[in-house]
C-alpha atoms as a PDB file:
ATOM      1  CA  UNK A   1       7.885  -0.030  33.597  1.00  0.00           C
ATOM      2  CA  UNK A   2       7.432  -3.658  33.392  1.00  0.00           C
ATOM      3  CA  UNK A   3       4.016  -5.509  33.202  1.00  0.00           C
ATOM      4  CA  UNK A   4       3.550  -8.290  36.039  1.00  0.00           C
ATOM      5  CA  UNK A   5       0.293  -9.447  34.512  1.00  0.00           C
ATOM      6  CA  UNK A   6       0.860 -12.549  32.415  1.00  0.00           C
ATOM      7  CA  UNK A   7      -1.259 -14.870  30.434  1.00  0.00           C
ATOM      8  CA  UNK A   8      -2.171 -16.960  33.509  1.00  0.00           C
ATOM      9  CA  UNK A   9      -3.959 -13.852  34.984  1.00  0.00           C
ATOM     10  CA  UNK A  10      -5.437 -13.134  31.536  1.00  0.00           C
ATOM     11  CA  UNK A  11      -6.771 -16.748  31.234  1.00  0.00           C
ATOM     12  CA  UNK A  12      -8.224 -16.892  34.917  1.00  0.00           C
ATOM     13  CA  UNK A  13      -9.946 -13.616  34.297  1.00  0.00           C
ATOM     14  CA  UNK A  14     -11.183 -14.697  30.841  1.00  0.00           C
ATOM     15  CA  UNK A  15     -12.942 -17.788  32.225  1.00  0.00           C
ATOM     16  CA  UNK A  16     -14.283 -16.310  35.575  1.00  0.00           C
ATOM     17  CA  UNK A  17     -15.242 -12.696  34.420  1.00  0.00           C
ATOM     18  CA  UNK A  18     -18.516 -13.764  32.758  1.00  0.00           C
ATOM     19  CA  UNK A  19     -19.762 -15.813  35.657  1.00  0.00           C
ATOM     20  CA  UNK A  20     -18.832 -13.260  38.074  1.00  0.00           C
ATOM     21  CA  UNK A  21     -20.921 -10.571  36.140  1.00  0.00           C
ATOM     22  CA  UNK A  22     -23.569 -12.824  35.743  1.00  0.00           C
ATOM     23  CA  UNK A  23     -23.926 -13.367  39.401  1.00  0.00           C
ATOM     24  CA  UNK A  24     -23.722  -9.421  39.879  1.00  0.00           C
ATOM     25  CA  UNK A  25     -26.654  -9.006  37.292  1.00  0.00           C
ATOM     26  CA  UNK A  26     -28.791 -11.661  38.920  1.00  0.00           C
ATOM     27  CA  UNK A  27     -28.105 -10.198  42.354  1.00  0.00           C
ATOM     28  CA  UNK A  28     -29.290  -6.615  41.159  1.00  0.00           C
ATOM     29  CA  UNK A  29     -32.222  -8.117  39.163  1.00  0.00           C
ATOM     30  CA  UNK A  30     -33.437  -9.898  42.086  1.00  0.00           C
ATOM     31  CA  UNK A  31     -33.748  -6.756  44.386  1.00  0.00           C
ATOM     32  CA  UNK A  32     -34.762  -4.662  41.619  1.00  0.00           C
ATOM     33  CA  UNK A  33     -37.691  -7.075  40.804  1.00  0.00           C
ATOM     34  CA  UNK A  34     -38.617  -7.027  44.602  1.00  0.00           C
ATOM     35  CA  UNK A  35     -38.607  -3.411  44.460  1.00  0.00           C
ATOM     36  CA  UNK A  36     -40.979  -3.293  41.614  1.00  0.00           C
ATOM     37  CA  UNK A  37     -43.295  -5.602  43.483  1.00  0.00           C
ATOM     38  CA  UNK A  38     -43.291  -3.381  46.621  1.00  0.00           C
ATOM     39  CA  UNK A  39     -44.006  -0.543  44.357  1.00  0.00           C
ATOM     40  CA  UNK A  40     -47.196  -2.203  42.987  1.00  0.00           C
ATOM     41  CA  UNK A  41     -48.172  -3.029  46.592  1.00  0.00           C
ATOM     42  CA  UNK A  42     -47.670   0.584  47.433  1.00  0.00           C
ATOM     43  CA  UNK A  43     -44.868  -0.351  50.315  1.00  0.00           C
ATOM     44  CA  UNK A  44     -42.508   2.535  49.528  1.00  0.00           C
ATOM     45  CA  UNK A  45     -40.366   1.832  52.574  1.00  0.00           C
ATOM     46  CA  UNK A  46     -39.431  -1.743  51.349  1.00  0.00           C
ATOM     47  CA  UNK A  47     -39.253  -0.403  47.805  1.00  0.00           C
ATOM     48  CA  UNK A  48     -36.309   2.058  48.945  1.00  0.00           C
ATOM     49  CA  UNK A  49     -34.618  -0.594  50.731  1.00  0.00           C
ATOM     50  CA  UNK A  50     -34.687  -3.139  47.817  1.00  0.00           C
ATOM     51  CA  UNK A  51     -33.745  -0.383  45.578  1.00  0.00           C
ATOM     52  CA  UNK A  52     -30.764   0.310  47.871  1.00  0.00           C
ATOM     53  CA  UNK A  53     -29.863  -3.153  48.004  1.00  0.00           C
ATOM     54  CA  UNK A  54     -30.117  -3.548  44.247  1.00  0.00           C
ATOM     55  CA  UNK A  55     -27.314  -1.126  43.884  1.00  0.00           C
ATOM     56  CA  UNK A  56     -25.188  -1.714  46.778  1.00  0.00           C
ATOM     57  CA  UNK A  57     -25.052  -5.398  46.953  1.00  0.00           C
ATOM     58  CA  UNK A  58     -23.674  -5.754  43.231  1.00  0.00           C
ATOM     59  CA  UNK A  59     -21.507  -2.702  43.716  1.00  0.00           C
ATOM     60  CA  UNK A  60     -19.900  -4.363  46.667  1.00  0.00           C
ATOM     61  CA  UNK A  61     -19.222  -7.619  44.983  1.00  0.00           C
ATOM     62  CA  UNK A  62     -17.771  -5.811  41.940  1.00  0.00           C
ATOM     63  CA  UNK A  63     -15.291  -3.843  44.327  1.00  0.00           C
ATOM     64  CA  UNK A  64     -14.349  -7.312  45.840  1.00  0.00           C
ATOM     65  CA  UNK A  65     -14.017  -8.801  42.458  1.00  0.00           C
ATOM     66  CA  UNK A  66     -11.726  -5.746  41.313  1.00  0.00           C
ATOM     67  CA  UNK A  67      -9.712  -5.828  44.535  1.00  0.00           C
ATOM     68  CA  UNK A  68      -8.754  -9.641  44.244  1.00  0.00           C
ATOM     69  CA  UNK A  69      -8.130  -8.962  40.464  1.00  0.00           C
ATOM     70  CA  UNK A  70      -5.798  -6.124  40.900  1.00  0.00           C
ATOM     71  CA  UNK A  71      -3.689  -7.841  43.877  1.00  0.00           C
ATOM     72  CA  UNK A  72      -1.987 -10.411  41.471  1.00  0.00           C
ATOM     73  CA  UNK A  73      -1.202 -12.970  44.126  1.00  0.00           C
ATOM     74  CA  UNK A  74      -1.923 -16.649  44.682  1.00  0.00           C
ATOM     75  CA  UNK A  75      -4.204 -15.779  47.577  1.00  0.00           C
ATOM     76  CA  UNK A  76      -6.092 -13.308  45.643  1.00  0.00           C
ATOM     77  CA  UNK A  77      -6.642 -15.456  42.789  1.00  0.00           C
ATOM     78  CA  UNK A  78      -7.694 -18.381  44.990  1.00  0.00           C
ATOM     79  CA  UNK A  79     -10.056 -15.867  46.943  1.00  0.00           C
ATOM     80  CA  UNK A  80     -11.442 -14.627  43.499  1.00  0.00           C
ATOM     81  CA  UNK A  81     -12.153 -18.367  42.399  1.00  0.00           C
ATOM     82  CA  UNK A  82     -13.804 -18.778  45.573  1.00  0.00           C
ATOM     83  CA  UNK A  83     -15.788 -15.804  45.328  1.00  0.00           C
ATOM     84  CA  UNK A  84     -17.046 -16.724  41.806  1.00  0.00           C
ATOM     85  CA  UNK A  85     -17.885 -20.286  42.786  1.00  0.00           C
ATOM     86  CA  UNK A  86     -19.558 -19.312  46.117  1.00  0.00           C
ATOM     87  CA  UNK A  87     -21.522 -16.531  44.225  1.00  0.00           C
ATOM     88  CA  UNK A  88     -22.524 -18.570  41.517  1.00  0.00           C
ATOM     89  CA  UNK A  89     -24.079 -21.227  44.165  1.00  0.00           C
ATOM     90  CA  UNK A  90     -25.771 -18.715  45.961  1.00  0.00           C
ATOM     91  CA  UNK A  91     -27.179 -17.293  42.621  1.00  0.00           C
ATOM     92  CA  UNK A  92     -28.565 -20.706  41.418  1.00  0.00           C
ATOM     93  CA  UNK A  93     -30.089 -21.367  44.752  1.00  0.00           C
ATOM     94  CA  UNK A  94     -31.728 -18.010  44.732  1.00  0.00           C
ATOM     95  CA  UNK A  95     -33.171 -18.330  41.264  1.00  0.00           C
ATOM     96  CA  UNK A  96     -34.607 -21.502  42.050  1.00  0.00           C
ATOM     97  CA  UNK A  97     -36.316 -20.098  45.268  1.00  0.00           C
ATOM     98  CA  UNK A  98     -37.670 -17.026  43.462  1.00  0.00           C
ATOM     99  CA  UNK A  99     -39.165 -19.031  40.699  1.00  0.00           C
ATOM    100  CA  UNK A 100     -40.682 -21.351  43.331  1.00  0.00           C
ATOM    101  CA  UNK A 101     -42.240 -18.404  45.203  1.00  0.00           C
ATOM    102  CA  UNK A 102     -43.154 -16.460  41.802  1.00  0.00           C
ATOM    103  CA  UNK A 103     -46.772 -15.256  41.650  1.00  0.00           C
ATOM    104  CA  UNK A 104     -48.660 -12.922  39.556  1.00  0.00           C
ATOM    105  CA  UNK A 105     -48.406  -9.332  40.459  1.00  0.00           C
ATOM    106  CA  UNK A 106     -51.942  -7.619  39.920  1.00  0.00           C
END
């Protein structure tokens, strides 16, 4: 059995894995934080929705990440790179927006 994964794949994954996982964590944390706000405000319905999103969105993002990582083609590598870049641009925008709209929870 020969290994079709080379140094190029290792380097791509090494430099993109950390930013990708950062994006997954921020996505999860954003919705988990919203769920906690809903819990304090006694909004059980929105708490459950946000808890579901806190789990499902990062899992879905990671599934796409894994799929593109395993295909090992030029197309999958380019999709992977675009995904990580777009994900992080959206995450940075989300962080700015959440920080701007942040209020004290009492």
